[in-house]
């Protein structure tokens, strides 16, 4: 079950057969309900769009947020019946509470306007490159800024009942948005070592990429705030190596070509650490799609925009940059030579 605005996203989470959806990425069922006159009306029922944990076998309502409640559960059809816990019941709106809320709103309207003006001014001060945030056409719920850089601001928020990262590009950087989106949309870009792409859209005049949320932040932040034992360090290195190896590989699978992709901006700030301690590559705005000569001769009709390089040159250059990164990641200096403004000297 999905409202018209959510149909496309719901279908992307798994194949639909009649009234049944078979989950593609997770074993979690999701329920997203809108509260109307004290009753919960289903707005989206289906598979979770993001791989996440769901220990509960039944659909327990969350605390209402902006007149919505949600649930995650792990048994078949568990999202058909919602279970209200004490906190959700106490927070569930009623006619009396609606009237009281209206009175309170009128009474404190001046104070609310002042607070909203203050929040807007603070956002503008710290996010100079981002224009004022408006509502996405697919109705996310923005929570907080987790990162900002030269091209975009990254928000943590809810999208279709799941906690995600929303990368917001100003209208003036439309080409940067398109370039990164096109990399994510390349065939066979689904891999555990690459940040999961969930979609793209507009937010007023701004452009937005929807990605999985890495709860432990960037590798730079993780190494700066955590002491890693050998097992966790090995997992970081191994999963990063797997992601880079996949990114740098070219192959044909079922008639679909996956080209070599050079990240071109690899740093500890552009590698994410997921909840399980594994790495995922992100930030492909500077990436180049490289069409290797040995594969190029066997293909027809591939995009002429890609650049052709001899395979050994590509492999050696990318492998060298990878090992420079690994040596720094395993040491107590978390930044790459490029990040410190020092050109590495190679024997």
C-alpha atoms as a PDB file:
ATOM      1  CA  UNK A   1       0.000   0.000   0.000  1.00  0.00           C
ATOM      2  CA  UNK A   2       1.427   3.357  -0.996  1.00  0.00           C
ATOM      3  CA  UNK A   3       0.026   6.827  -1.639  1.00  0.00           C
ATOM      4  CA  UNK A   4       0.603   8.169  -5.182  1.00  0.00           C
ATOM      5  CA  UNK A   5       3.624  10.235  -4.099  1.00  0.00           C
ATOM      6  CA  UNK A   6       5.271   7.143  -2.557  1.00  0.00           C
ATOM      7  CA  UNK A   7       4.483   4.519  -5.220  1.00  0.00           C
ATOM      8  CA  UNK A   8       7.783   4.707  -7.122  1.00  0.00           C
ATOM      9  CA  UNK A   9       9.920   4.535  -3.981  1.00  0.00           C
ATOM     10  CA  UNK A  10       7.876   1.674  -2.526  1.00  0.00           C
ATOM     11  CA  UNK A  11       8.334  -0.399  -5.666  1.00  0.00           C
ATOM     12  CA  UNK A  12      12.105   0.084  -5.572  1.00  0.00           C
ATOM     13  CA  UNK A  13      12.286  -1.710  -2.203  1.00  0.00           C
ATOM     14  CA  UNK A  14      11.198  -5.075  -3.674  1.00  0.00           C
ATOM     15  CA  UNK A  15       9.055  -6.853  -6.247  1.00  0.00           C
ATOM     16  CA  UNK A  16       5.282  -6.494  -5.799  1.00  0.00           C
ATOM     17  CA  UNK A  17       2.950  -9.388  -6.603  1.00  0.00           C
ATOM     18  CA  UNK A  18      -0.691  -8.614  -5.931  1.00  0.00           C
ATOM     19  CA  UNK A  19      -0.829  -7.321  -2.375  1.00  0.00           C
ATOM     20  CA  UNK A  20       2.505  -8.863  -1.391  1.00  0.00           C
ATOM     21  CA  UNK A  21       5.971  -7.305  -1.643  1.00  0.00           C
ATOM     22  CA  UNK A  22       9.135  -9.425  -1.505  1.00  0.00           C
ATOM     23  CA  UNK A  23      11.875  -7.349   0.143  1.00  0.00           C
ATOM     24  CA  UNK A  24      15.037  -6.873  -1.946  1.00  0.00           C
ATOM     25  CA  UNK A  25      17.487  -5.303   0.538  1.00  0.00           C
ATOM     26  CA  UNK A  26      16.265  -6.206   4.027  1.00  0.00           C
ATOM     27  CA  UNK A  27      14.014  -8.498   6.044  1.00  0.00           C
ATOM     28  CA  UNK A  28      12.260  -5.521   7.623  1.00  0.00           C
ATOM     29  CA  UNK A  29       8.658  -4.510   6.934  1.00  0.00           C
ATOM     30  CA  UNK A  30       7.820  -0.837   7.335  1.00  0.00           C
ATOM     31  CA  UNK A  31       4.629   0.980   8.231  1.00  0.00           C
ATOM     32  CA  UNK A  32       4.166   4.731   7.878  1.00  0.00           C
ATOM     33  CA  UNK A  33       0.849   6.054   9.280  1.00  0.00           C
ATOM     34  CA  UNK A  34      -0.746   9.501   9.254  1.00  0.00           C
ATOM     35  CA  UNK A  35      -2.759  10.456  12.326  1.00  0.00           C
ATOM     36  CA  UNK A  36      -6.201  11.849  11.468  1.00  0.00           C
ATOM     37  CA  UNK A  37      -8.723  12.600  14.237  1.00  0.00           C
ATOM     38  CA  UNK A  38      -7.001  10.197  16.596  1.00  0.00           C
ATOM     39  CA  UNK A  39      -6.883   7.362  14.055  1.00  0.00           C
ATOM     40  CA  UNK A  40      -3.816   5.980  12.262  1.00  0.00           C
ATOM     41  CA  UNK A  41      -4.329   5.920   8.468  1.00  0.00           C
ATOM     42  CA  UNK A  42      -1.752   3.854   6.493  1.00  0.00           C
ATOM     43  CA  UNK A  43       0.268   6.079   4.171  1.00  0.00           C
ATOM     44  CA  UNK A  44       2.946   3.545   3.169  1.00  0.00           C
ATOM     45  CA  UNK A  45       3.131  -0.198   3.862  1.00  0.00           C
ATOM     46  CA  UNK A  46       5.908  -2.318   2.414  1.00  0.00           C
ATOM     47  CA  UNK A  47       9.571  -3.218   2.655  1.00  0.00           C
ATOM     48  CA  UNK A  48      12.104  -0.855   4.166  1.00  0.00           C
ATOM     49  CA  UNK A  49      14.075   0.954   1.438  1.00  0.00           C
ATOM     50  CA  UNK A  50      17.289   0.864   3.503  1.00  0.00           C
ATOM     51  CA  UNK A  51      19.030  -2.129   5.042  1.00  0.00           C
ATOM     52  CA  UNK A  52      18.476  -1.759   8.787  1.00  0.00           C
ATOM     53  CA  UNK A  53      17.824  -3.861  11.884  1.00  0.00           C
ATOM     54  CA  UNK A  54      14.300  -4.644  13.095  1.00  0.00           C
ATOM     55  CA  UNK A  55      14.337  -6.772  16.275  1.00  0.00           C
ATOM     56  CA  UNK A  56      10.591  -6.467  16.899  1.00  0.00           C
ATOM     57  CA  UNK A  57       8.325  -9.074  15.273  1.00  0.00           C
ATOM     58  CA  UNK A  58       5.231  -6.859  15.614  1.00  0.00           C
ATOM     59  CA  UNK A  59       4.536  -3.310  14.472  1.00  0.00           C
ATOM     60  CA  UNK A  60       5.084  -1.044  17.512  1.00  0.00           C
ATOM     61  CA  UNK A  61       4.215   2.599  16.896  1.00  0.00           C
ATOM     62  CA  UNK A  62       6.929   5.184  17.356  1.00  0.00           C
ATOM     63  CA  UNK A  63       6.383   8.481  19.111  1.00  0.00           C
ATOM     64  CA  UNK A  64       4.346  10.726  16.738  1.00  0.00           C
ATOM     65  CA  UNK A  65       6.442  13.134  14.656  1.00  0.00           C
ATOM     66  CA  UNK A  66       4.690  15.867  12.640  1.00  0.00           C
ATOM     67  CA  UNK A  67       1.386  13.927  12.873  1.00  0.00           C
ATOM     68  CA  UNK A  68       3.002  10.697  11.636  1.00  0.00           C
ATOM     69  CA  UNK A  69       3.988   7.451  13.362  1.00  0.00           C
ATOM     70  CA  UNK A  70       6.106   4.672  11.922  1.00  0.00           C
ATOM     71  CA  UNK A  71       7.175   1.133  12.755  1.00  0.00           C
ATOM     72  CA  UNK A  72       9.710  -1.513  11.689  1.00  0.00           C
ATOM     73  CA  UNK A  73       9.082  -5.227  12.215  1.00  0.00           C
ATOM     74  CA  UNK A  74      10.541  -8.533  11.062  1.00  0.00           C
ATOM     75  CA  UNK A  75       7.648 -10.989  10.513  1.00  0.00           C
ATOM     76  CA  UNK A  76       5.446 -11.503   7.438  1.00  0.00           C
ATOM     77  CA  UNK A  77       2.594  -8.972   7.130  1.00  0.00           C
ATOM     78  CA  UNK A  78       3.513  -7.580  10.562  1.00  0.00           C
ATOM     79  CA  UNK A  79       2.885  -3.992   9.435  1.00  0.00           C
ATOM     80  CA  UNK A  80      -0.835  -4.603   8.847  1.00  0.00           C
ATOM     81  CA  UNK A  81      -1.684  -4.143  12.534  1.00  0.00           C
ATOM     82  CA  UNK A  82      -0.095  -1.369  14.555  1.00  0.00           C
ATOM     83  CA  UNK A  83       0.542  -1.842  18.287  1.00  0.00           C
ATOM     84  CA  UNK A  84       0.378   1.244  20.491  1.00  0.00           C
ATOM     85  CA  UNK A  85       2.785   1.442  23.417  1.00  0.00           C
ATOM     86  CA  UNK A  86       2.174   3.716  26.408  1.00  0.00           C
ATOM     87  CA  UNK A  87       4.385   6.523  25.096  1.00  0.00           C
ATOM     88  CA  UNK A  88       2.696   6.529  21.700  1.00  0.00           C
ATOM     89  CA  UNK A  89      -0.775   6.462  23.278  1.00  0.00           C
ATOM     90  CA  UNK A  90       0.033   9.416  25.487  1.00  0.00           C
ATOM     91  CA  UNK A  91       1.404  11.310  22.493  1.00  0.00           C
ATOM     92  CA  UNK A  92      -1.464  10.363  20.150  1.00  0.00           C
ATOM     93  CA  UNK A  93      -3.478  13.511  19.359  1.00  0.00           C
ATOM     94  CA  UNK A  94      -7.180  13.786  20.212  1.00  0.00           C
ATOM     95  CA  UNK A  95      -9.842  16.382  19.526  1.00  0.00           C
ATOM     96  CA  UNK A  96      -9.328  17.968  22.950  1.00  0.00           C
ATOM     97  CA  UNK A  97      -5.572  18.102  22.535  1.00  0.00           C
ATOM     98  CA  UNK A  98      -5.999  19.602  19.057  1.00  0.00           C
ATOM     99  CA  UNK A  99      -8.104  22.406  20.522  1.00  0.00           C
ATOM    100  CA  UNK A 100      -5.613  22.969  23.319  1.00  0.00           C
ATOM    101  CA  UNK A 101      -2.756  23.026  20.828  1.00  0.00           C
ATOM    102  CA  UNK A 102      -4.559  25.628  18.737  1.00  0.00           C
ATOM    103  CA  UNK A 103      -5.078  27.868  21.779  1.00  0.00           C
ATOM    104  CA  UNK A 104      -1.449  27.510  22.823  1.00  0.00           C
ATOM    105  CA  UNK A 105      -0.299  28.275  19.308  1.00  0.00           C
ATOM    106  CA  UNK A 106      -2.298  31.505  19.177  1.00  0.00           C
ATOM    107  CA  UNK A 107      -1.074  32.521  22.641  1.00  0.00           C
ATOM    108  CA  UNK A 108       2.588  32.008  21.875  1.00  0.00           C
ATOM    109  CA  UNK A 109       2.562  32.947  18.167  1.00  0.00           C
ATOM    110  CA  UNK A 110       4.911  35.853  18.712  1.00  0.00           C
ATOM    111  CA  UNK A 111       7.431  33.695  20.568  1.00  0.00           C
ATOM    112  CA  UNK A 112       7.303  31.007  17.891  1.00  0.00           C
ATOM    113  CA  UNK A 113       7.919  33.529  15.128  1.00  0.00           C
ATOM    114  CA  UNK A 114      10.945  34.833  17.027  1.00  0.00           C
ATOM    115  CA  UNK A 115      12.359  31.322  17.485  1.00  0.00           C
ATOM    116  CA  UNK A 116      11.831  30.453  13.822  1.00  0.00           C
ATOM    117  CA  UNK A 117      13.552  33.661  12.750  1.00  0.00           C
ATOM    118  CA  UNK A 118      16.510  32.849  14.997  1.00  0.00           C
ATOM    119  CA  UNK A 119      16.798  29.308  13.610  1.00  0.00           C
ATOM    120  CA  UNK A 120      16.698  30.634  10.041  1.00  0.00           C
ATOM    121  CA  UNK A 121      19.440  33.180  10.732  1.00  0.00           C
ATOM    122  CA  UNK A 122      21.674  30.542  12.371  1.00  0.00           C
ATOM    123  CA  UNK A 123      21.254  28.184   9.405  1.00  0.00           C
ATOM    124  CA  UNK A 124      22.128  30.981   6.992  1.00  0.00           C
ATOM    125  CA  UNK A 125      25.252  31.869   8.980  1.00  0.00           C
ATOM    126  CA  UNK A 126      26.706  28.358   9.012  1.00  0.00           C
ATOM    127  CA  UNK A 127      25.476  27.173   5.612  1.00  0.00           C
ATOM    128  CA  UNK A 128      26.471  30.051   3.350  1.00  0.00           C
ATOM    129  CA  UNK A 129      26.457  27.972   0.174  1.00  0.00           C
ATOM    130  CA  UNK A 130      23.011  26.505   0.803  1.00  0.00           C
ATOM    131  CA  UNK A 131      19.858  28.467   0.161  1.00  0.00           C
ATOM    132  CA  UNK A 132      16.914  28.334   2.553  1.00  0.00           C
ATOM    133  CA  UNK A 133      15.646  24.783   3.014  1.00  0.00           C
ATOM    134  CA  UNK A 134      12.182  24.124   1.596  1.00  0.00           C
ATOM    135  CA  UNK A 135      10.092  20.959   1.557  1.00  0.00           C
ATOM    136  CA  UNK A 136      11.047  18.156  -0.816  1.00  0.00           C
ATOM    137  CA  UNK A 137       8.412  16.935  -3.219  1.00  0.00           C
ATOM    138  CA  UNK A 138       8.750  13.510  -1.550  1.00  0.00           C
ATOM    139  CA  UNK A 139       8.244  14.985   1.945  1.00  0.00           C
ATOM    140  CA  UNK A 140      11.339  14.207   4.028  1.00  0.00           C
ATOM    141  CA  UNK A 141      11.675  15.231   7.661  1.00  0.00           C
ATOM    142  CA  UNK A 142      15.027  17.015   8.129  1.00  0.00           C
ATOM    143  CA  UNK A 143      16.616  16.625  11.554  1.00  0.00           C
ATOM    144  CA  UNK A 144      20.119  18.127  11.589  1.00  0.00           C
ATOM    145  CA  UNK A 145      23.149  18.979   9.469  1.00  0.00           C
ATOM    146  CA  UNK A 146      25.852  16.295   9.714  1.00  0.00           C
ATOM    147  CA  UNK A 147      28.385  17.707   7.224  1.00  0.00           C
ATOM    148  CA  UNK A 148      28.923  20.545   4.776  1.00  0.00           C
ATOM    149  CA  UNK A 149      31.560  21.248   2.161  1.00  0.00           C
ATOM    150  CA  UNK A 150      32.323  23.163  -1.009  1.00  0.00           C
ATOM    151  CA  UNK A 151      29.499  21.700  -3.085  1.00  0.00           C
ATOM    152  CA  UNK A 152      26.707  20.529  -0.797  1.00  0.00           C
ATOM    153  CA  UNK A 153      25.303  20.228   2.706  1.00  0.00           C
ATOM    154  CA  UNK A 154      24.455  16.802   4.145  1.00  0.00           C
ATOM    155  CA  UNK A 155      21.386  16.484   6.372  1.00  0.00           C
ATOM    156  CA  UNK A 156      20.236  13.604   8.527  1.00  0.00           C
ATOM    157  CA  UNK A 157      16.508  13.027   8.189  1.00  0.00           C
ATOM    158  CA  UNK A 158      13.602  10.640   7.684  1.00  0.00           C
ATOM    159  CA  UNK A 159      12.588   9.526   4.190  1.00  0.00           C
ATOM    160  CA  UNK A 160       9.731   7.067   3.736  1.00  0.00           C
ATOM    161  CA  UNK A 161      10.034   6.017   7.375  1.00  0.00           C
ATOM    162  CA  UNK A 162      13.793   5.358   7.274  1.00  0.00           C
ATOM    163  CA  UNK A 163      16.691   7.397   8.635  1.00  0.00           C
ATOM    164  CA  UNK A 164      18.782   8.562   5.654  1.00  0.00           C
ATOM    165  CA  UNK A 165      21.345  11.147   4.536  1.00  0.00           C
ATOM    166  CA  UNK A 166      20.094  13.966   2.291  1.00  0.00           C
ATOM    167  CA  UNK A 167      22.828  15.691   0.284  1.00  0.00           C
ATOM    168  CA  UNK A 168      21.532  19.148  -0.693  1.00  0.00           C
ATOM    169  CA  UNK A 169      23.067  21.084  -3.620  1.00  0.00           C
ATOM    170  CA  UNK A 170      22.344  24.806  -4.181  1.00  0.00           C
ATOM    171  CA  UNK A 171      20.661  25.716  -7.469  1.00  0.00           C
ATOM    172  CA  UNK A 172      23.921  27.257  -8.727  1.00  0.00           C
ATOM    173  CA  UNK A 173      25.667  23.853  -8.521  1.00  0.00           C
ATOM    174  CA  UNK A 174      23.226  21.934 -10.682  1.00  0.00           C
ATOM    175  CA  UNK A 175      26.024  20.457 -12.820  1.00  0.00           C
ATOM    176  CA  UNK A 176      27.830  19.103  -9.732  1.00  0.00           C
ATOM    177  CA  UNK A 177      24.584  17.426  -8.670  1.00  0.00           C
ATOM    178  CA  UNK A 178      24.057  15.917 -12.131  1.00  0.00           C
ATOM    179  CA  UNK A 179      27.642  14.635 -12.334  1.00  0.00           C
ATOM    180  CA  UNK A 180      27.478  12.826  -8.997  1.00  0.00           C
ATOM    181  CA  UNK A 181      23.971  11.507  -9.678  1.00  0.00           C
ATOM    182  CA  UNK A 182      25.094  10.094 -13.034  1.00  0.00           C
ATOM    183  CA  UNK A 183      27.901   8.145 -11.335  1.00  0.00           C
ATOM    184  CA  UNK A 184      25.478   6.607  -8.843  1.00  0.00           C
ATOM    185  CA  UNK A 185      23.109   5.725 -11.703  1.00  0.00           C
ATOM    186  CA  UNK A 186      25.747   3.770 -13.630  1.00  0.00           C
ATOM    187  CA  UNK A 187      24.931   0.090 -14.039  1.00  0.00           C
ATOM    188  CA  UNK A 188      26.251  -2.284 -11.365  1.00  0.00           C
ATOM    189  CA  UNK A 189      27.042   0.479  -8.849  1.00  0.00           C
ATOM    190  CA  UNK A 190      25.405  -1.536  -6.057  1.00  0.00           C
ATOM    191  CA  UNK A 191      28.092  -2.800  -3.668  1.00  0.00           C
ATOM    192  CA  UNK A 192      28.523  -2.966   0.104  1.00  0.00           C
ATOM    193  CA  UNK A 193      31.675  -0.843  -0.198  1.00  0.00           C
ATOM    194  CA  UNK A 194      29.841   2.016  -1.964  1.00  0.00           C
ATOM    195  CA  UNK A 195      27.278   4.266  -0.253  1.00  0.00           C
ATOM    196  CA  UNK A 196      23.814   3.041  -1.194  1.00  0.00           C
ATOM    197  CA  UNK A 197      21.986   5.429  -3.552  1.00  0.00           C
ATOM    198  CA  UNK A 198      18.249   5.673  -2.823  1.00  0.00           C
ATOM    199  CA  UNK A 199      17.124   8.399  -5.213  1.00  0.00           C
ATOM    200  CA  UNK A 200      17.343  12.018  -6.321  1.00  0.00           C
ATOM    201  CA  UNK A 201      14.917  14.919  -6.478  1.00  0.00           C
ATOM    202  CA  UNK A 202      14.211  18.621  -6.148  1.00  0.00           C
ATOM    203  CA  UNK A 203      13.746  20.664  -2.992  1.00  0.00           C
ATOM    204  CA  UNK A 204      12.404  23.991  -4.139  1.00  0.00           C
ATOM    205  CA  UNK A 205      15.247  25.360  -6.276  1.00  0.00           C
ATOM    206  CA  UNK A 206      17.774  22.985  -4.727  1.00  0.00           C
ATOM    207  CA  UNK A 207      18.800  19.472  -5.787  1.00  0.00           C
ATOM    208  CA  UNK A 208      18.947  16.490  -3.451  1.00  0.00           C
ATOM    209  CA  UNK A 209      20.618  13.059  -3.421  1.00  0.00           C
ATOM    210  CA  UNK A 210      19.117  10.526  -0.997  1.00  0.00           C
ATOM    211  CA  UNK A 211      21.739   8.098   0.398  1.00  0.00           C
ATOM    212  CA  UNK A 212      22.018   5.541   3.166  1.00  0.00           C
ATOM    213  CA  UNK A 213      23.072   7.055   6.490  1.00  0.00           C
ATOM    214  CA  UNK A 214      26.454   5.994   7.874  1.00  0.00           C
ATOM    215  CA  UNK A 215      25.853   6.301  11.605  1.00  0.00           C
ATOM    216  CA  UNK A 216      29.550   6.569  12.526  1.00  0.00           C
ATOM    217  CA  UNK A 217      30.320   9.406  10.118  1.00  0.00           C
ATOM    218  CA  UNK A 218      33.409   9.784   7.969  1.00  0.00           C
ATOM    219  CA  UNK A 219      36.569   7.705   8.348  1.00  0.00           C
ATOM    220  CA  UNK A 220      38.423  10.883   9.322  1.00  0.00           C
ATOM    221  CA  UNK A 221      36.023  11.546  12.203  1.00  0.00           C
ATOM    222  CA  UNK A 222      35.945   7.885  13.227  1.00  0.00           C
ATOM    223  CA  UNK A 223      39.742   7.570  13.449  1.00  0.00           C
ATOM    224  CA  UNK A 224      39.956  10.889  15.306  1.00  0.00           C
ATOM    225  CA  UNK A 225      37.519   9.822  18.033  1.00  0.00           C
ATOM    226  CA  UNK A 226      38.077   6.062  18.341  1.00  0.00           C
ATOM    227  CA  UNK A 227      40.965   3.788  19.254  1.00  0.00           C
ATOM    228  CA  UNK A 228      40.818   0.795  16.908  1.00  0.00           C
ATOM    229  CA  UNK A 229      41.997  -2.677  17.815  1.00  0.00           C
ATOM    230  CA  UNK A 230      43.535  -4.959  15.214  1.00  0.00           C
ATOM    231  CA  UNK A 231      40.243  -6.649  14.280  1.00  0.00           C
ATOM    232  CA  UNK A 232      38.359  -3.390  13.680  1.00  0.00           C
ATOM    233  CA  UNK A 233      41.315  -1.889  11.787  1.00  0.00           C
ATOM    234  CA  UNK A 234      41.510  -4.967   9.586  1.00  0.00           C
ATOM    235  CA  UNK A 235      37.786  -4.700   8.846  1.00  0.00           C
ATOM    236  CA  UNK A 236      38.140  -1.032   7.887  1.00  0.00           C
ATOM    237  CA  UNK A 237      41.038  -1.799   5.543  1.00  0.00           C
ATOM    238  CA  UNK A 238      39.456  -4.916   4.061  1.00  0.00           C
ATOM    239  CA  UNK A 239      36.064  -3.359   3.298  1.00  0.00           C
ATOM    240  CA  UNK A 240      37.697  -0.213   1.905  1.00  0.00           C
ATOM    241  CA  UNK A 241      39.902  -2.363  -0.333  1.00  0.00           C
ATOM    242  CA  UNK A 242      36.868  -4.302  -1.550  1.00  0.00           C
ATOM    243  CA  UNK A 243      34.991  -1.099  -2.359  1.00  0.00           C
ATOM    244  CA  UNK A 244      37.948   0.380  -4.245  1.00  0.00           C
ATOM    245  CA  UNK A 245      38.594  -2.868  -6.110  1.00  0.00           C
ATOM    246  CA  UNK A 246      34.981  -2.949  -7.258  1.00  0.00           C
ATOM    247  CA  UNK A 247      35.045   0.736  -8.227  1.00  0.00           C
ATOM    248  CA  UNK A 248      38.235   0.206 -10.261  1.00  0.00           C
ATOM    249  CA  UNK A 249      37.025  -2.939 -12.038  1.00  0.00           C
ATOM    250  CA  UNK A 250      35.371  -3.131 -15.452  1.00  0.00           C
ATOM    251  CA  UNK A 251      33.298  -6.088 -16.585  1.00  0.00           C
ATOM    252  CA  UNK A 252      30.286  -7.228 -18.550  1.00  0.00           C
ATOM    253  CA  UNK A 253      27.460  -8.891 -16.648  1.00  0.00           C
ATOM    254  CA  UNK A 254      24.361 -10.106 -18.470  1.00  0.00           C
ATOM    255  CA  UNK A 255      25.161  -7.783 -21.363  1.00  0.00           C
ATOM    256  CA  UNK A 256      25.514  -4.718 -19.091  1.00  0.00           C
ATOM    257  CA  UNK A 257      28.880  -2.918 -19.002  1.00  0.00           C
ATOM    258  CA  UNK A 258      30.354  -1.613 -15.747  1.00  0.00           C
ATOM    259  CA  UNK A 259      33.264   0.789 -16.502  1.00  0.00           C
ATOM    260  CA  UNK A 260      36.303   1.619 -14.382  1.00  0.00           C
ATOM    261  CA  UNK A 261      35.605   4.600 -12.129  1.00  0.00           C
ATOM    262  CA  UNK A 262      38.403   6.732 -10.681  1.00  0.00           C
ATOM    263  CA  UNK A 263      37.291   8.545  -7.531  1.00  0.00           C
ATOM    264  CA  UNK A 264      39.790  11.440  -8.047  1.00  0.00           C
ATOM    265  CA  UNK A 265      39.062  12.906  -4.594  1.00  0.00           C
ATOM    266  CA  UNK A 266      39.862  10.002  -2.273  1.00  0.00           C
ATOM    267  CA  UNK A 267      40.385  11.119   1.313  1.00  0.00           C
ATOM    268  CA  UNK A 268      39.386   9.986   4.776  1.00  0.00           C
ATOM    269  CA  UNK A 269      36.578  12.564   4.661  1.00  0.00           C
ATOM    270  CA  UNK A 270      35.087  10.870   1.586  1.00  0.00           C
ATOM    271  CA  UNK A 271      34.931   7.405   3.146  1.00  0.00           C
ATOM    272  CA  UNK A 272      32.020   6.559   5.460  1.00  0.00           C
ATOM    273  CA  UNK A 273      32.016   4.150   8.401  1.00  0.00           C
ATOM    274  CA  UNK A 274      28.769   2.216   8.775  1.00  0.00           C
ATOM    275  CA  UNK A 275      27.226   0.894  11.982  1.00  0.00           C
ATOM    276  CA  UNK A 276      28.906  -2.501  11.589  1.00  0.00           C
ATOM    277  CA  UNK A 277      32.374  -0.918  11.317  1.00  0.00           C
ATOM    278  CA  UNK A 278      32.743  -1.388   7.556  1.00  0.00           C
ATOM    279  CA  UNK A 279      33.708   1.316   5.039  1.00  0.00           C
ATOM    280  CA  UNK A 280      31.721   2.721   2.122  1.00  0.00           C
ATOM    281  CA  UNK A 281      32.953   5.158  -0.544  1.00  0.00           C
ATOM    282  CA  UNK A 282      30.985   8.344  -1.196  1.00  0.00           C
ATOM    283  CA  UNK A 283      31.276  11.828  -2.779  1.00  0.00           C
ATOM    284  CA  UNK A 284      31.715  11.044  -6.476  1.00  0.00           C
ATOM    285  CA  UNK A 285      31.455  14.654  -7.680  1.00  0.00           C
ATOM    286  CA  UNK A 286      35.047  14.668  -8.979  1.00  0.00           C
ATOM    287  CA  UNK A 287      35.025  11.101 -10.314  1.00  0.00           C
ATOM    288  CA  UNK A 288      36.006  10.066 -13.838  1.00  0.00           C
ATOM    289  CA  UNK A 289      34.546   7.168 -15.803  1.00  0.00           C
ATOM    290  CA  UNK A 290      37.434   5.374 -17.522  1.00  0.00           C
ATOM    291  CA  UNK A 291      36.786   3.014 -20.386  1.00  0.00           C
ATOM    292  CA  UNK A 292      39.685   0.546 -20.549  1.00  0.00           C
ATOM    293  CA  UNK A 293      41.096  -0.216 -23.980  1.00  0.00           C
ATOM    294  CA  UNK A 294      40.780  -4.015 -23.741  1.00  0.00           C
ATOM    295  CA  UNK A 295      37.069  -3.756 -22.991  1.00  0.00           C
ATOM    296  CA  UNK A 296      36.426  -0.855 -25.323  1.00  0.00           C
ATOM    297  CA  UNK A 297      37.335  -2.944 -28.374  1.00  0.00           C
ATOM    298  CA  UNK A 298      34.761  -5.562 -27.396  1.00  0.00           C
ATOM    299  CA  UNK A 299      31.927  -3.084 -26.878  1.00  0.00           C
ATOM    300  CA  UNK A 300      29.764  -1.069 -29.207  1.00  0.00           C
ATOM    301  CA  UNK A 301      27.602   1.927 -28.530  1.00  0.00           C
ATOM    302  CA  UNK A 302      29.092   2.878 -25.151  1.00  0.00           C
ATOM    303  CA  UNK A 303      29.087   6.578 -24.257  1.00  0.00           C
ATOM    304  CA  UNK A 304      31.719   8.658 -26.061  1.00  0.00           C
ATOM    305  CA  UNK A 305      32.045  10.899 -23.006  1.00  0.00           C
ATOM    306  CA  UNK A 306      34.174   8.342 -21.165  1.00  0.00           C
ATOM    307  CA  UNK A 307      37.960   8.528 -21.481  1.00  0.00           C
ATOM    308  CA  UNK A 308      40.087   5.651 -22.778  1.00  0.00           C
ATOM    309  CA  UNK A 309      43.267   4.643 -20.928  1.00  0.00           C
ATOM    310  CA  UNK A 310      45.484   1.540 -21.157  1.00  0.00           C
ATOM    311  CA  UNK A 311      44.504  -0.880 -18.393  1.00  0.00           C
ATOM    312  CA  UNK A 312      47.962  -1.183 -16.693  1.00  0.00           C
ATOM    313  CA  UNK A 313      48.284   2.603 -16.303  1.00  0.00           C
ATOM    314  CA  UNK A 314      44.867   2.898 -14.647  1.00  0.00           C
ATOM    315  CA  UNK A 315      45.455  -0.043 -12.315  1.00  0.00           C
ATOM    316  CA  UNK A 316      48.911   1.122 -11.189  1.00  0.00           C
ATOM    317  CA  UNK A 317      47.820   4.689 -10.512  1.00  0.00           C
ATOM    318  CA  UNK A 318      44.728   3.715  -8.547  1.00  0.00           C
ATOM    319  CA  UNK A 319      46.543   1.007  -6.576  1.00  0.00           C
ATOM    320  CA  UNK A 320      49.300   3.477  -5.612  1.00  0.00           C
ATOM    321  CA  UNK A 321      46.793   6.041  -4.365  1.00  0.00           C
ATOM    322  CA  UNK A 322      44.946   3.338  -2.442  1.00  0.00           C
ATOM    323  CA  UNK A 323      48.066   2.203  -0.561  1.00  0.00           C
ATOM    324  CA  UNK A 324      48.962   5.786   0.358  1.00  0.00           C
ATOM    325  CA  UNK A 325      45.483   6.046   1.891  1.00  0.00           C
ATOM    326  CA  UNK A 326      45.753   2.733   3.756  1.00  0.00           C
ATOM    327  CA  UNK A 327      49.142   3.599   5.291  1.00  0.00           C
ATOM    328  CA  UNK A 328      47.707   6.839   6.657  1.00  0.00           C
ATOM    329  CA  UNK A 329      44.474   5.211   7.859  1.00  0.00           C
ATOM    330  CA  UNK A 330      46.437   2.670   9.914  1.00  0.00           C
ATOM    331  CA  UNK A 331      48.693   5.276  11.506  1.00  0.00           C
ATOM    332  CA  UNK A 332      47.909   7.911  14.122  1.00  0.00           C
ATOM    333  CA  UNK A 333      47.823  10.578  11.397  1.00  0.00           C
ATOM    334  CA  UNK A 334      44.362  10.422   9.889  1.00  0.00           C
ATOM    335  CA  UNK A 335      44.789  12.831   7.002  1.00  0.00           C
ATOM    336  CA  UNK A 336      46.261  12.050   3.631  1.00  0.00           C
ATOM    337  CA  UNK A 337      49.309  14.002   2.385  1.00  0.00           C
ATOM    338  CA  UNK A 338      47.004  15.857   0.003  1.00  0.00           C
ATOM    339  CA  UNK A 339      44.787  16.913   2.916  1.00  0.00           C
ATOM    340  CA  UNK A 340      47.790  18.387   4.751  1.00  0.00           C
ATOM    341  CA  UNK A 341      48.971  20.217   1.642  1.00  0.00           C
ATOM    342  CA  UNK A 342      52.064  17.978   1.269  1.00  0.00           C
ATOM    343  CA  UNK A 343      52.961  16.208  -1.953  1.00  0.00           C
ATOM    344  CA  UNK A 344      53.863  12.550  -1.206  1.00  0.00           C
ATOM    345  CA  UNK A 345      57.397  11.439  -2.140  1.00  0.00           C
ATOM    346  CA  UNK A 346      57.442   7.988  -3.708  1.00  0.00           C
ATOM    347  CA  UNK A 347      60.642   5.919  -4.056  1.00  0.00           C
END
